[in-house]
């Protein structure tokens, strides 16, 4: 279990953040809203599942396992993660 009271932070340069999905959770009433982004970062970035990422003034959780995004042409390769946040 992460100890968020004693967490460390780092800035990761060279990232691209792309909108992904939004979702409404409901059972006849609105229970919450979820938004997610795809984050592409340098291949060697030290990010694991469950980490928190600050973006656009909000805190997101890394949902799932970071995946390699290997360029088939020999271009820039990245690591991709899904960022997720629930409100409401």
N, C-alpha and C. Protein backbone atom coordinates (compact mmCIF):
# COMPACT_ATOMS: atom_id res chain seq x y z
N UNK A 1 0.84 -1.17 0.00
CA UNK A 1 0.00 0.00 0.00
C UNK A 1 0.89 1.24 0.00
N UNK A 2 0.71 2.14 -0.95
CA UNK A 2 1.53 3.36 -0.98
C UNK A 2 1.31 4.24 0.25
N UNK A 3 2.37 4.87 0.68
CA UNK A 3 2.31 5.81 1.80
C UNK A 3 2.28 7.22 1.21
N UNK A 4 1.08 7.72 0.87
CA UNK A 4 0.96 9.01 0.19
C UNK A 4 1.34 10.18 1.08
N UNK A 5 1.36 10.00 2.40
CA UNK A 5 1.78 11.07 3.29
C UNK A 5 3.28 11.33 3.19
N UNK A 6 4.04 10.35 2.73
CA UNK A 6 5.49 10.48 2.61
C UNK A 6 5.96 10.23 1.17
N UNK A 7 5.13 10.58 0.22
CA UNK A 7 5.45 10.35 -1.18
C UNK A 7 6.51 11.33 -1.67
N UNK A 8 7.27 10.90 -2.67
CA UNK A 8 8.22 11.78 -3.34
C UNK A 8 7.64 12.14 -4.70
N UNK A 9 8.16 13.19 -5.30
CA UNK A 9 7.66 13.59 -6.62
C UNK A 9 8.83 13.85 -7.56
N UNK A 10 8.54 13.78 -8.83
CA UNK A 10 9.53 14.05 -9.88
C UNK A 10 8.80 14.63 -11.07
N UNK A 11 9.49 15.47 -11.82
CA UNK A 11 8.95 16.02 -13.06
C UNK A 11 9.49 15.19 -14.21
N UNK A 12 8.60 14.78 -15.11
CA UNK A 12 9.01 13.98 -16.27
C UNK A 12 8.78 14.84 -17.51
N UNK A 13 9.87 15.18 -18.18
CA UNK A 13 9.79 16.00 -19.40
C UNK A 13 9.57 15.11 -20.62
N UNK A 14 9.10 15.70 -21.70
CA UNK A 14 8.95 14.98 -22.96
C UNK A 14 7.74 14.10 -23.03
N UNK A 15 6.67 14.47 -22.34
CA UNK A 15 5.45 13.66 -22.32
C UNK A 15 4.40 14.22 -23.27
N UNK A 16 3.48 13.37 -23.66
CA UNK A 16 2.31 13.77 -24.43
C UNK A 16 1.08 13.21 -23.72
N UNK A 17 0.11 14.06 -23.45
CA UNK A 17 -1.12 13.64 -22.78
C UNK A 17 -2.27 13.82 -23.77
N UNK A 18 -3.00 12.72 -24.01
CA UNK A 18 -4.09 12.73 -24.98
C UNK A 18 -5.40 12.35 -24.30
N UNK A 19 -6.50 13.06 -24.59
CA UNK A 19 -7.78 12.69 -24.00
C UNK A 19 -8.17 11.27 -24.39
N UNK A 20 -8.81 10.58 -23.47
CA UNK A 20 -9.24 9.21 -23.74
C UNK A 20 -10.75 9.11 -23.62
N UNK A 21 -11.27 8.87 -22.41
CA UNK A 21 -12.71 8.69 -22.26
C UNK A 21 -13.23 9.43 -21.04
N UNK A 22 -14.54 9.59 -21.02
CA UNK A 22 -15.25 10.00 -19.82
C UNK A 22 -16.40 9.02 -19.65
N UNK A 23 -16.84 8.86 -18.43
CA UNK A 23 -17.89 7.89 -18.17
C UNK A 23 -18.74 8.38 -17.01
N UNK A 24 -20.01 8.12 -17.09
CA UNK A 24 -20.97 8.45 -16.04
C UNK A 24 -21.36 7.18 -15.33
N UNK A 25 -21.18 7.14 -14.01
CA UNK A 25 -21.59 5.99 -13.21
C UNK A 25 -22.94 6.31 -12.61
N UNK A 26 -23.93 5.47 -12.87
CA UNK A 26 -25.26 5.76 -12.36
C UNK A 26 -26.08 4.50 -12.16
N UNK A 27 -27.05 4.59 -11.30
CA UNK A 27 -28.05 3.54 -11.10
C UNK A 27 -29.40 4.21 -10.91
N UNK A 28 -29.74 5.09 -11.84
CA UNK A 28 -30.95 5.88 -11.72
C UNK A 28 -30.65 7.27 -11.19
N UNK A 29 -29.46 7.45 -10.70
CA UNK A 29 -28.97 8.76 -10.24
C UNK A 29 -27.48 8.82 -10.58
N UNK A 30 -26.93 9.99 -10.62
CA UNK A 30 -25.51 10.13 -10.93
C UNK A 30 -24.69 9.81 -9.69
N UNK A 31 -23.82 8.82 -9.78
CA UNK A 31 -22.96 8.44 -8.66
C UNK A 31 -21.57 9.05 -8.78
N UNK A 32 -21.11 9.26 -9.99
CA UNK A 32 -19.78 9.83 -10.18
C UNK A 32 -19.44 9.95 -11.65
N UNK A 33 -18.43 10.73 -11.90
CA UNK A 33 -17.92 10.92 -13.25
C UNK A 33 -16.47 10.48 -13.29
N UNK A 34 -16.11 9.77 -14.34
CA UNK A 34 -14.74 9.32 -14.52
C UNK A 34 -14.19 9.95 -15.78
N UNK A 35 -12.94 10.42 -15.71
CA UNK A 35 -12.27 10.90 -16.91
C UNK A 35 -10.92 10.22 -16.99
N UNK A 36 -10.46 9.97 -18.21
CA UNK A 36 -9.16 9.33 -18.36
C UNK A 36 -8.41 9.94 -19.53
N UNK A 37 -7.09 9.81 -19.44
CA UNK A 37 -6.17 10.30 -20.46
C UNK A 37 -5.17 9.19 -20.76
N UNK A 38 -4.60 9.21 -21.96
CA UNK A 38 -3.46 8.38 -22.29
C UNK A 38 -2.23 9.25 -22.14
N UNK A 39 -1.26 8.77 -21.36
CA UNK A 39 -0.01 9.48 -21.15
C UNK A 39 1.10 8.70 -21.83
N UNK A 40 1.81 9.37 -22.74
CA UNK A 40 2.97 8.79 -23.41
C UNK A 40 4.19 9.52 -22.85
N UNK A 41 5.12 8.76 -22.28
CA UNK A 41 6.27 9.37 -21.62
C UNK A 41 7.54 8.66 -22.08
N UNK A 42 8.71 9.24 -21.75
CA UNK A 42 9.95 8.57 -22.15
C UNK A 42 9.99 7.13 -21.65
N UNK A 43 10.60 6.28 -22.43
CA UNK A 43 10.62 4.85 -22.17
C UNK A 43 11.21 4.51 -20.80
N UNK A 44 12.16 5.32 -20.33
CA UNK A 44 12.82 5.03 -19.07
C UNK A 44 12.18 5.73 -17.87
N UNK A 45 11.03 6.34 -18.04
CA UNK A 45 10.35 7.03 -16.92
C UNK A 45 10.01 6.03 -15.82
N UNK A 46 10.27 6.43 -14.57
CA UNK A 46 10.03 5.56 -13.42
C UNK A 46 8.59 5.73 -12.93
N UNK A 47 7.66 5.09 -13.63
CA UNK A 47 6.24 5.15 -13.30
C UNK A 47 5.71 3.72 -13.27
N UNK A 48 4.96 3.40 -12.21
CA UNK A 48 4.38 2.06 -12.08
C UNK A 48 2.87 2.18 -11.82
N UNK A 49 2.18 1.04 -11.92
CA UNK A 49 0.74 1.02 -11.66
C UNK A 49 0.46 1.53 -10.25
N UNK A 50 -0.61 2.32 -10.13
CA UNK A 50 -1.01 2.86 -8.84
C UNK A 50 -0.35 4.19 -8.49
N UNK A 51 0.69 4.60 -9.24
CA UNK A 51 1.30 5.91 -8.98
C UNK A 51 0.28 7.02 -9.21
N UNK A 52 0.53 8.16 -8.64
CA UNK A 52 -0.29 9.34 -8.89
C UNK A 52 0.47 10.28 -9.81
N UNK A 53 -0.27 10.88 -10.74
CA UNK A 53 0.30 11.83 -11.69
C UNK A 53 -0.50 13.12 -11.58
N UNK A 54 0.19 14.25 -11.44
CA UNK A 54 -0.45 15.56 -11.44
C UNK A 54 -0.47 16.08 -12.87
N UNK A 55 -1.65 16.47 -13.35
CA UNK A 55 -1.79 17.02 -14.69
C UNK A 55 -2.95 18.01 -14.72
N UNK A 56 -2.72 19.18 -15.25
CA UNK A 56 -3.78 20.17 -15.39
C UNK A 56 -4.43 20.56 -14.09
N UNK A 57 -3.68 20.53 -12.99
CA UNK A 57 -4.23 20.91 -11.69
C UNK A 57 -5.02 19.82 -11.00
N UNK A 58 -5.04 18.61 -11.56
CA UNK A 58 -5.76 17.49 -10.97
C UNK A 58 -4.81 16.33 -10.71
N UNK A 59 -5.20 15.46 -9.79
CA UNK A 59 -4.42 14.27 -9.47
C UNK A 59 -5.09 13.06 -10.11
N UNK A 60 -4.32 12.28 -10.87
CA UNK A 60 -4.81 11.08 -11.54
C UNK A 60 -4.05 9.87 -11.04
N UNK A 61 -4.68 8.71 -11.11
CA UNK A 61 -4.04 7.45 -10.74
C UNK A 61 -3.65 6.72 -12.01
N UNK A 62 -2.46 6.12 -12.00
CA UNK A 62 -2.04 5.27 -13.11
C UNK A 62 -2.85 3.98 -13.01
N UNK A 63 -3.72 3.78 -13.98
CA UNK A 63 -4.63 2.63 -13.99
C UNK A 63 -4.03 1.53 -14.85
N UNK A 64 -3.74 0.40 -14.25
CA UNK A 64 -3.16 -0.71 -15.00
C UNK A 64 -1.64 -0.63 -15.05
N UNK A 65 -1.07 -1.50 -15.85
CA UNK A 65 0.38 -1.64 -15.96
C UNK A 65 0.90 -0.78 -17.11
N UNK A 66 1.96 0.00 -16.88
CA UNK A 66 2.58 0.76 -17.98
C UNK A 66 3.02 -0.19 -19.09
N UNK A 67 2.79 0.23 -20.34
CA UNK A 67 3.10 -0.62 -21.49
C UNK A 67 4.09 0.06 -22.41
N UNK A 68 4.99 -0.72 -23.00
CA UNK A 68 5.90 -0.13 -23.99
C UNK A 68 5.15 0.20 -25.28
N UNK A 69 5.51 1.30 -25.88
CA UNK A 69 4.93 1.72 -27.15
C UNK A 69 6.14 1.85 -28.10
N UNK A 70 6.47 0.75 -28.76
CA UNK A 70 7.68 0.65 -29.56
C UNK A 70 7.39 1.12 -30.99
N UNK A 71 8.23 2.02 -31.48
CA UNK A 71 8.07 2.51 -32.85
C UNK A 71 8.47 1.42 -33.85
N UNK A 72 7.60 1.11 -34.80
CA UNK A 72 7.93 0.09 -35.80
C UNK A 72 8.93 0.60 -36.83
N UNK A 73 9.17 1.91 -36.87
CA UNK A 73 10.07 2.49 -37.88
C UNK A 73 11.41 2.90 -37.29
N UNK A 74 11.62 2.62 -36.01
CA UNK A 74 12.88 3.02 -35.38
C UNK A 74 12.83 4.43 -34.81
N UNK A 75 11.67 5.05 -34.86
CA UNK A 75 11.51 6.39 -34.29
C UNK A 75 11.45 6.33 -32.78
N UNK A 76 10.97 7.37 -32.18
CA UNK A 76 10.90 7.49 -30.73
C UNK A 76 9.95 6.46 -30.14
N UNK A 77 10.43 5.69 -29.17
CA UNK A 77 9.59 4.75 -28.44
C UNK A 77 9.21 5.36 -27.11
N UNK A 78 8.06 4.98 -26.58
CA UNK A 78 7.54 5.54 -25.35
C UNK A 78 7.02 4.46 -24.44
N UNK A 79 6.66 4.91 -23.24
CA UNK A 79 5.90 4.08 -22.30
C UNK A 79 4.53 4.72 -22.22
N UNK A 80 3.46 3.92 -22.27
CA UNK A 80 2.09 4.44 -22.25
C UNK A 80 1.40 3.96 -21.00
N UNK A 81 0.67 4.88 -20.36
CA UNK A 81 -0.17 4.54 -19.22
C UNK A 81 -1.51 5.24 -19.38
N UNK A 82 -2.50 4.69 -18.70
CA UNK A 82 -3.82 5.33 -18.64
C UNK A 82 -3.93 6.04 -17.31
N UNK A 83 -4.28 7.32 -17.36
CA UNK A 83 -4.52 8.12 -16.15
C UNK A 83 -6.01 8.18 -15.92
N UNK A 84 -6.44 8.01 -14.68
CA UNK A 84 -7.87 7.96 -14.36
C UNK A 84 -8.16 8.78 -13.12
N UNK A 85 -9.33 9.45 -13.15
CA UNK A 85 -9.77 10.25 -12.00
C UNK A 85 -11.28 10.15 -11.90
N UNK A 86 -11.77 9.97 -10.68
CA UNK A 86 -13.21 9.94 -10.40
C UNK A 86 -13.61 11.17 -9.60
N UNK A 87 -14.75 11.76 -9.93
CA UNK A 87 -15.30 12.88 -9.16
C UNK A 87 -16.76 12.58 -8.87
N UNK A 88 -17.27 13.26 -7.87
CA UNK A 88 -18.70 13.15 -7.57
C UNK A 88 -19.03 12.20 -6.49
